[in-house]
């Protein structure tokens, strides 16, 4: 795996972890009746999920490019 792909995987994981934390916060605030703060955390979680998806996509792209280069070098 290329260094760039690994970095994107790490970033994707970090954003997923942040999203999970915000979803837990949203649930807690929703249960306590603070729907405005719950909505804020839910919206923030969505932003993190968007970034996680971007980094996961970039990691996949790096894998394809890396393995494509290896296949071309091997004459496949």
PDB file of N, CA and C in Angstrom:
ATOM      1  N   UNK A   1       0.856  -1.171   0.000  1.00  0.00           N
ATOM      2  CA  UNK A   1       0.000   0.000   0.000  1.00  0.00           C
ATOM      3  C   UNK A   1       0.897   1.228   0.000  1.00  0.00           C
ATOM      4  N   UNK A   2       0.529   2.206  -0.798  1.00  0.00           N
ATOM      5  CA  UNK A   2       1.328   3.420  -0.866  1.00  0.00           C
ATOM      6  C   UNK A   2       1.153   4.232   0.414  1.00  0.00           C
ATOM      7  N   UNK A   3       2.119   5.089   0.663  1.00  0.00           N
ATOM      8  CA  UNK A   3       2.057   5.946   1.844  1.00  0.00           C
ATOM      9  C   UNK A   3       0.830   6.855   1.770  1.00  0.00           C
ATOM     10  N   UNK A   4       0.526   7.353   0.576  1.00  0.00           N
ATOM     11  CA  UNK A   4      -0.638   8.229   0.410  1.00  0.00           C
ATOM     12  C   UNK A   4      -1.932   7.486   0.721  1.00  0.00           C
ATOM     13  N   UNK A   5      -2.036   6.244   0.274  1.00  0.00           N
ATOM     14  CA  UNK A   5      -3.244   5.457   0.549  1.00  0.00           C
ATOM     15  C   UNK A   5      -3.397   5.251   2.050  1.00  0.00           C
ATOM     16  N   UNK A   6      -2.317   4.924   2.715  1.00  0.00           N
ATOM     17  CA  UNK A   6      -2.360   4.720   4.164  1.00  0.00           C
ATOM     18  C   UNK A   6      -2.799   5.989   4.883  1.00  0.00           C
ATOM     19  N   UNK A   7      -2.290   7.128   4.447  1.00  0.00           N
ATOM     20  CA  UNK A   7      -2.682   8.402   5.060  1.00  0.00           C
ATOM     21  C   UNK A   7      -4.180   8.647   4.877  1.00  0.00           C
ATOM     22  N   UNK A   8      -4.697   8.338   3.694  1.00  0.00           N
ATOM     23  CA  UNK A   8      -6.127   8.525   3.458  1.00  0.00           C
ATOM     24  C   UNK A   8      -6.951   7.565   4.316  1.00  0.00           C
ATOM     25  N   UNK A   9      -6.471   6.340   4.492  1.00  0.00           N
ATOM     26  CA  UNK A   9      -7.181   5.390   5.364  1.00  0.00           C
ATOM     27  C   UNK A   9      -7.221   5.919   6.795  1.00  0.00           C
ATOM     28  N   UNK A  10      -6.096   6.447   7.270  1.00  0.00           N
ATOM     29  CA  UNK A  10      -6.056   7.003   8.633  1.00  0.00           C
ATOM     30  C   UNK A  10      -7.017   8.175   8.770  1.00  0.00           C
ATOM     31  N   UNK A  11      -7.023   9.062   7.783  1.00  0.00           N
ATOM     32  CA  UNK A  11      -7.923  10.215   7.819  1.00  0.00           C
ATOM     33  C   UNK A  11      -9.385   9.762   7.781  1.00  0.00           C
ATOM     34  N   UNK A  12      -9.693   8.775   6.948  1.00  0.00           N
ATOM     35  CA  UNK A  12     -11.064   8.265   6.882  1.00  0.00           C
ATOM     36  C   UNK A  12     -11.485   7.717   8.253  1.00  0.00           C
ATOM     37  N   UNK A  13     -10.607   6.959   8.874  1.00  0.00           N
ATOM     38  CA  UNK A  13     -10.916   6.388  10.190  1.00  0.00           C
ATOM     39  C   UNK A  13     -11.129   7.494  11.224  1.00  0.00           C
ATOM     40  N   UNK A  14     -10.291   8.513  11.195  1.00  0.00           N
ATOM     41  CA  UNK A  14     -10.437   9.624  12.144  1.00  0.00           C
ATOM     42  C   UNK A  14     -11.788  10.311  11.962  1.00  0.00           C
ATOM     43  N   UNK A  15     -12.169  10.554  10.721  1.00  0.00           N
ATOM     44  CA  UNK A  15     -13.450  11.221  10.476  1.00  0.00           C
ATOM     45  C   UNK A  15     -14.624  10.339  10.890  1.00  0.00           C
ATOM     46  N   UNK A  16     -14.519   9.026  10.678  1.00  0.00           N
ATOM     47  CA  UNK A  16     -15.582   8.118  11.131  1.00  0.00           C
ATOM     48  C   UNK A  16     -15.692   8.161  12.655  1.00  0.00           C
ATOM     49  N   UNK A  17     -14.553   8.199  13.337  1.00  0.00           N
ATOM     50  CA  UNK A  17     -14.566   8.272  14.800  1.00  0.00           C
ATOM     51  C   UNK A  17     -15.194   9.577  15.278  1.00  0.00           C
ATOM     52  N   UNK A  18     -14.865  10.688  14.619  1.00  0.00           N
ATOM     53  CA  UNK A  18     -15.465  11.971  14.981  1.00  0.00           C
ATOM     54  C   UNK A  18     -16.973  11.941  14.732  1.00  0.00           C
ATOM     55  N   UNK A  19     -17.382  11.359  13.610  1.00  0.00           N
ATOM     56  CA  UNK A  19     -18.809  11.267  13.298  1.00  0.00           C
ATOM     57  C   UNK A  19     -19.532  10.457  14.361  1.00  0.00           C
ATOM     58  N   UNK A  20     -18.945   9.341  14.767  1.00  0.00           N
ATOM     59  CA  UNK A  20     -19.572   8.500  15.795  1.00  0.00           C
ATOM     60  C   UNK A  20     -19.727   9.275  17.102  1.00  0.00           C
ATOM     61  N   UNK A  21     -18.699  10.030  17.451  1.00  0.00           N
ATOM     62  CA  UNK A  21     -18.766  10.821  18.685  1.00  0.00           C
ATOM     63  C   UNK A  21     -19.907  11.847  18.600  1.00  0.00           C
ATOM     64  N   UNK A  22     -20.045  12.508  17.447  1.00  0.00           N
ATOM     65  CA  UNK A  22     -21.109  13.496  17.283  1.00  0.00           C
ATOM     66  C   UNK A  22     -22.491  12.840  17.267  1.00  0.00           C
ATOM     67  N   UNK A  23     -22.597  11.644  16.690  1.00  0.00           N
ATOM     68  CA  UNK A  23     -23.875  10.940  16.721  1.00  0.00           C
ATOM     69  C   UNK A  23     -24.254  10.585  18.162  1.00  0.00           C
ATOM     70  N   UNK A  24     -23.273  10.163  18.963  1.00  0.00           N
ATOM     71  CA  UNK A  24     -23.566   9.868  20.369  1.00  0.00           C
ATOM     72  C   UNK A  24     -24.022  11.127  21.095  1.00  0.00           C
ATOM     73  N   UNK A  25     -23.353  12.243  20.824  1.00  0.00           N
ATOM     74  CA  UNK A  25     -23.747  13.525  21.427  1.00  0.00           C
ATOM     75  C   UNK A  25     -25.159  13.905  20.990  1.00  0.00           C
ATOM     76  N   UNK A  26     -25.446  13.722  19.700  1.00  0.00           N
ATOM     77  CA  UNK A  26     -26.782  14.039  19.194  1.00  0.00           C
ATOM     78  C   UNK A  26     -27.834  13.211  19.922  1.00  0.00           C
ATOM     79  N   UNK A  27     -27.572  11.934  20.107  1.00  0.00           N
ATOM     80  CA  UNK A  27     -28.518  11.061  20.797  1.00  0.00           C
ATOM     81  C   UNK A  27     -28.733  11.515  22.236  1.00  0.00           C
ATOM     82  N   UNK A  28     -27.645  11.840  22.905  1.00  0.00           N
ATOM     83  CA  UNK A  28     -27.738  12.293  24.299  1.00  0.00           C
ATOM     84  C   UNK A  28     -28.576  13.560  24.408  1.00  0.00           C
ATOM     85  N   UNK A  29     -28.309  14.532  23.542  1.00  0.00           N
ATOM     86  CA  UNK A  29     -29.048  15.795  23.585  1.00  0.00           C
ATOM     87  C   UNK A  29     -30.510  15.602  23.181  1.00  0.00           C
ATOM     88  N   UNK A  30     -30.740  14.713  22.222  1.00  0.00           N
ATOM     89  CA  UNK A  30     -32.117  14.431  21.809  1.00  0.00           C
ATOM     90  C   UNK A  30     -32.908  13.832  22.973  1.00  0.00           C
ATOM     91  N   UNK A  31     -32.283  12.891  23.668  1.00  0.00           N
ATOM     92  CA  UNK A  31     -32.949  12.243  24.803  1.00  0.00           C
ATOM     93  C   UNK A  31     -33.251  13.222  25.933  1.00  0.00           C
ATOM     94  N   UNK A  32     -32.392  14.243  26.080  1.00  0.00           N
ATOM     95  CA  UNK A  32     -32.610  15.229  27.153  1.00  0.00           C
ATOM     96  C   UNK A  32     -33.543  16.355  26.708  1.00  0.00           C
ATOM     97  N   UNK A  33     -33.979  16.309  25.453  1.00  0.00           N
ATOM     98  CA  UNK A  33     -34.921  17.304  24.969  1.00  0.00           C
ATOM     99  C   UNK A  33     -34.298  18.513  24.294  1.00  0.00           C
ATOM    100  N   UNK A  34     -32.985  18.562  24.206  1.00  0.00           N
ATOM    101  CA  UNK A  34     -32.311  19.693  23.554  1.00  0.00           C
ATOM    102  C   UNK A  34     -32.154  19.365  22.071  1.00  0.00           C
ATOM    103  N   UNK A  35     -33.244  19.533  21.341  1.00  0.00           N
ATOM    104  CA  UNK A  35     -33.274  19.138  19.936  1.00  0.00           C
ATOM    105  C   UNK A  35     -32.414  20.031  19.047  1.00  0.00           C
ATOM    106  N   UNK A  36     -32.251  21.281  19.431  1.00  0.00           N
ATOM    107  CA  UNK A  36     -31.402  22.182  18.639  1.00  0.00           C
ATOM    108  C   UNK A  36     -29.945  21.725  18.686  1.00  0.00           C
ATOM    109  N   UNK A  37     -29.457  21.416  19.873  1.00  0.00           N
ATOM    110  CA  UNK A  37     -28.078  20.940  20.003  1.00  0.00           C
ATOM    111  C   UNK A  37     -27.929  19.552  19.378  1.00  0.00           C
ATOM    112  N   UNK A  38     -28.962  18.735  19.489  1.00  0.00           N
ATOM    113  CA  UNK A  38     -28.936  17.414  18.845  1.00  0.00           C
ATOM    114  C   UNK A  38     -28.797  17.576  17.340  1.00  0.00           C
ATOM    115  N   UNK A  39     -29.549  18.502  16.768  1.00  0.00           N
ATOM    116  CA  UNK A  39     -29.475  18.744  15.322  1.00  0.00           C
ATOM    117  C   UNK A  39     -28.090  19.255  14.923  1.00  0.00           C
ATOM    118  N   UNK A  40     -27.506  20.105  15.753  1.00  0.00           N
ATOM    119  CA  UNK A  40     -26.156  20.611  15.478  1.00  0.00           C
ATOM    120  C   UNK A  40     -25.161  19.451  15.401  1.00  0.00           C
ATOM    121  N   UNK A  41     -25.214  18.565  16.380  1.00  0.00           N
ATOM    122  CA  UNK A  41     -24.278  17.432  16.393  1.00  0.00           C
ATOM    123  C   UNK A  41     -24.544  16.472  15.237  1.00  0.00           C
ATOM    124  N   UNK A  42     -25.805  16.267  14.902  1.00  0.00           N
ATOM    125  CA  UNK A  42     -26.135  15.398  13.772  1.00  0.00           C
ATOM    126  C   UNK A  42     -25.596  15.984  12.474  1.00  0.00           C
ATOM    127  N   UNK A  43     -25.732  17.288  12.328  1.00  0.00           N
ATOM    128  CA  UNK A  43     -25.223  17.959  11.125  1.00  0.00           C
ATOM    129  C   UNK A  43     -23.695  17.874  11.063  1.00  0.00           C
ATOM    130  N   UNK A  44     -23.041  18.078  12.186  1.00  0.00           N
ATOM    131  CA  UNK A  44     -21.579  17.980  12.239  1.00  0.00           C
ATOM    132  C   UNK A  44     -21.130  16.559  11.914  1.00  0.00           C
ATOM    133  N   UNK A  45     -21.866  15.573  12.400  1.00  0.00           N
ATOM    134  CA  UNK A  45     -21.547  14.172  12.098  1.00  0.00           C
ATOM    135  C   UNK A  45     -21.611  13.928  10.600  1.00  0.00           C
ATOM    136  N   UNK A  46     -22.624  14.488   9.945  1.00  0.00           N
ATOM    137  CA  UNK A  46     -22.756  14.325   8.498  1.00  0.00           C
ATOM    138  C   UNK A  46     -21.545  14.904   7.767  1.00  0.00           C
ATOM    139  N   UNK A  47     -21.046  16.031   8.235  1.00  0.00           N
ATOM    140  CA  UNK A  47     -19.848  16.619   7.633  1.00  0.00           C
ATOM    141  C   UNK A  47     -18.650  15.699   7.755  1.00  0.00           C
ATOM    142  N   UNK A  48     -18.490  15.099   8.927  1.00  0.00           N
ATOM    143  CA  UNK A  48     -17.382  14.162   9.120  1.00  0.00           C
ATOM    144  C   UNK A  48     -17.539  12.936   8.228  1.00  0.00           C
ATOM    145  N   UNK A  49     -18.767  12.460   8.084  1.00  0.00           N
ATOM    146  CA  UNK A  49     -18.996  11.307   7.206  1.00  0.00           C
ATOM    147  C   UNK A  49     -18.659  11.653   5.752  1.00  0.00           C
ATOM    148  N   UNK A  50     -18.975  12.863   5.354  1.00  0.00           N
ATOM    149  CA  UNK A  50     -18.633  13.314   4.003  1.00  0.00           C
ATOM    150  C   UNK A  50     -17.114  13.274   3.800  1.00  0.00           C
ATOM    151  N   UNK A  51     -16.380  13.801   4.778  1.00  0.00           N
ATOM    152  CA  UNK A  51     -14.918  13.801   4.677  1.00  0.00           C
ATOM    153  C   UNK A  51     -14.358  12.379   4.719  1.00  0.00           C
ATOM    154  N   UNK A  52     -14.947  11.527   5.544  1.00  0.00           N
ATOM    155  CA  UNK A  52     -14.500  10.129   5.624  1.00  0.00           C
ATOM    156  C   UNK A  52     -14.679   9.440   4.278  1.00  0.00           C
ATOM    157  N   UNK A  53     -15.822   9.675   3.646  1.00  0.00           N
ATOM    158  CA  UNK A  53     -16.085   9.079   2.340  1.00  0.00           C
ATOM    159  C   UNK A  53     -15.083   9.572   1.311  1.00  0.00           C
ATOM    160  N   UNK A  54     -14.765  10.847   1.360  1.00  0.00           N
ATOM    161  CA  UNK A  54     -13.773  11.409   0.440  1.00  0.00           C
ATOM    162  C   UNK A  54     -12.424  10.713   0.620  1.00  0.00           C
ATOM    163  N   UNK A  55     -11.972  10.593   1.869  1.00  0.00           N
ATOM    164  CA  UNK A  55     -10.664   9.975   2.118  1.00  0.00           C
ATOM    165  C   UNK A  55     -10.666   8.487   1.744  1.00  0.00           C
ATOM    166  N   UNK A  56     -11.768   7.806   1.996  1.00  0.00           N
ATOM    167  CA  UNK A  56     -11.856   6.392   1.607  1.00  0.00           C
ATOM    168  C   UNK A  56     -11.782   6.253   0.089  1.00  0.00           C
ATOM    169  N   UNK A  57     -12.433   7.156  -0.611  1.00  0.00           N
ATOM    170  CA  UNK A  57     -12.395   7.148  -2.076  1.00  0.00           C
ATOM    171  C   UNK A  57     -10.988   7.419  -2.587  1.00  0.00           C
ATOM    172  N   UNK A  58     -10.316   8.376  -1.980  1.00  0.00           N
ATOM    173  CA  UNK A  58      -8.944   8.691  -2.376  1.00  0.00           C
ATOM    174  C   UNK A  58      -8.007   7.516  -2.103  1.00  0.00           C
ATOM    175  N   UNK A  59      -8.217   6.819  -0.991  1.00  0.00           N
ATOM    176  CA  UNK A  59      -7.401   5.642  -0.676  1.00  0.00           C
ATOM    177  C   UNK A  59      -7.607   4.566  -1.734  1.00  0.00           C
ATOM    178  N   UNK A  60      -8.863   4.333  -2.103  1.00  0.00           N
ATOM    179  CA  UNK A  60      -9.159   3.335  -3.138  1.00  0.00           C
ATOM    180  C   UNK A  60      -8.513   3.720  -4.457  1.00  0.00           C
ATOM    181  N   UNK A  61      -8.577   4.986  -4.789  1.00  0.00           N
ATOM    182  CA  UNK A  61      -7.957   5.480  -6.023  1.00  0.00           C
ATOM    183  C   UNK A  61      -6.442   5.232  -5.988  1.00  0.00           C
ATOM    184  N   UNK A  62      -5.817   5.476  -4.854  1.00  0.00           N
ATOM    185  CA  UNK A  62      -4.375   5.237  -4.710  1.00  0.00           C
ATOM    186  C   UNK A  62      -4.060   3.754  -4.881  1.00  0.00           C
ATOM    187  N   UNK A  63      -4.911   2.880  -4.340  1.00  0.00           N
ATOM    188  CA  UNK A  63      -4.703   1.437  -4.491  1.00  0.00           C
ATOM    189  C   UNK A  63      -4.727   1.044  -5.965  1.00  0.00           C
ATOM    190  N   UNK A  64      -5.734   1.537  -6.675  1.00  0.00           N
ATOM    191  CA  UNK A  64      -5.877   1.206  -8.091  1.00  0.00           C
ATOM    192  C   UNK A  64      -4.660   1.706  -8.872  1.00  0.00           C
ATOM    193  N   UNK A  65      -4.259   2.942  -8.608  1.00  0.00           N
ATOM    194  CA  UNK A  65      -3.103   3.497  -9.314  1.00  0.00           C
ATOM    195  C   UNK A  65      -1.834   2.716  -8.982  1.00  0.00           C
ATOM    196  N   UNK A  66      -1.650   2.382  -7.717  1.00  0.00           N
ATOM    197  CA  UNK A  66      -0.450   1.658  -7.283  1.00  0.00           C
ATOM    198  C   UNK A  66      -0.404   0.263  -7.904  1.00  0.00           C
ATOM    199  N   UNK A  67      -1.515  -0.447  -7.825  1.00  0.00           N
ATOM    200  CA  UNK A  67      -1.538  -1.808  -8.371  1.00  0.00           C
ATOM    201  C   UNK A  67      -1.528  -1.800  -9.893  1.00  0.00           C
ATOM    202  N   UNK A  68      -2.088  -0.781 -10.499  1.00  0.00           N
ATOM    203  CA  UNK A  68      -2.024  -0.648 -11.951  1.00  0.00           C
ATOM    204  C   UNK A  68      -0.598  -0.443 -12.423  1.00  0.00           C
ATOM    205  N   UNK A  69       0.177   0.341 -11.674  1.00  0.00           N
ATOM    206  CA  UNK A  69       1.581   0.558 -12.015  1.00  0.00           C
ATOM    207  C   UNK A  69       2.369  -0.729 -11.865  1.00  0.00           C
ATOM    208  N   UNK A  70       2.080  -1.506 -10.822  1.00  0.00           N
ATOM    209  CA  UNK A  70       2.780  -2.774 -10.617  1.00  0.00           C
ATOM    210  C   UNK A  70       2.449  -3.753 -11.732  1.00  0.00           C
ATOM    211  N   UNK A  71       1.185  -3.780 -12.155  1.00  0.00           N
ATOM    212  CA  UNK A  71       0.777  -4.688 -13.222  1.00  0.00           C
ATOM    213  C   UNK A  71       1.443  -4.293 -14.544  1.00  0.00           C
ATOM    214  N   UNK A  72       1.517  -2.997 -14.823  1.00  0.00           N
ATOM    215  CA  UNK A  72       2.155  -2.540 -16.061  1.00  0.00           C
ATOM    216  C   UNK A  72       3.648  -2.873 -16.033  1.00  0.00           C
ATOM    217  N   UNK A  73       4.276  -2.729 -14.872  1.00  0.00           N
ATOM    218  CA  UNK A  73       5.701  -3.019 -14.757  1.00  0.00           C
ATOM    219  C   UNK A  73       5.969  -4.511 -14.947  1.00  0.00           C
ATOM    220  N   UNK A  74       5.004  -5.340 -14.581  1.00  0.00           N
ATOM    221  CA  UNK A  74       5.157  -6.794 -14.726  1.00  0.00           C
ATOM    222  C   UNK A  74       4.756  -7.253 -16.122  1.00  0.00           C
ATOM    223  N   UNK A  75       4.288  -6.324 -16.939  1.00  0.00           N
ATOM    224  CA  UNK A  75       3.919  -6.654 -18.305  1.00  0.00           C
ATOM    225  C   UNK A  75       2.549  -7.232 -18.461  1.00  0.00           C
ATOM    226  N   UNK A  76       1.684  -7.016 -17.499  1.00  0.00           N
ATOM    227  CA  UNK A  76       0.292  -7.529 -17.574  1.00  0.00           C
ATOM    228  C   UNK A  76      -0.581  -6.604 -18.340  1.00  0.00           C
TER     229      UNK A  76
END
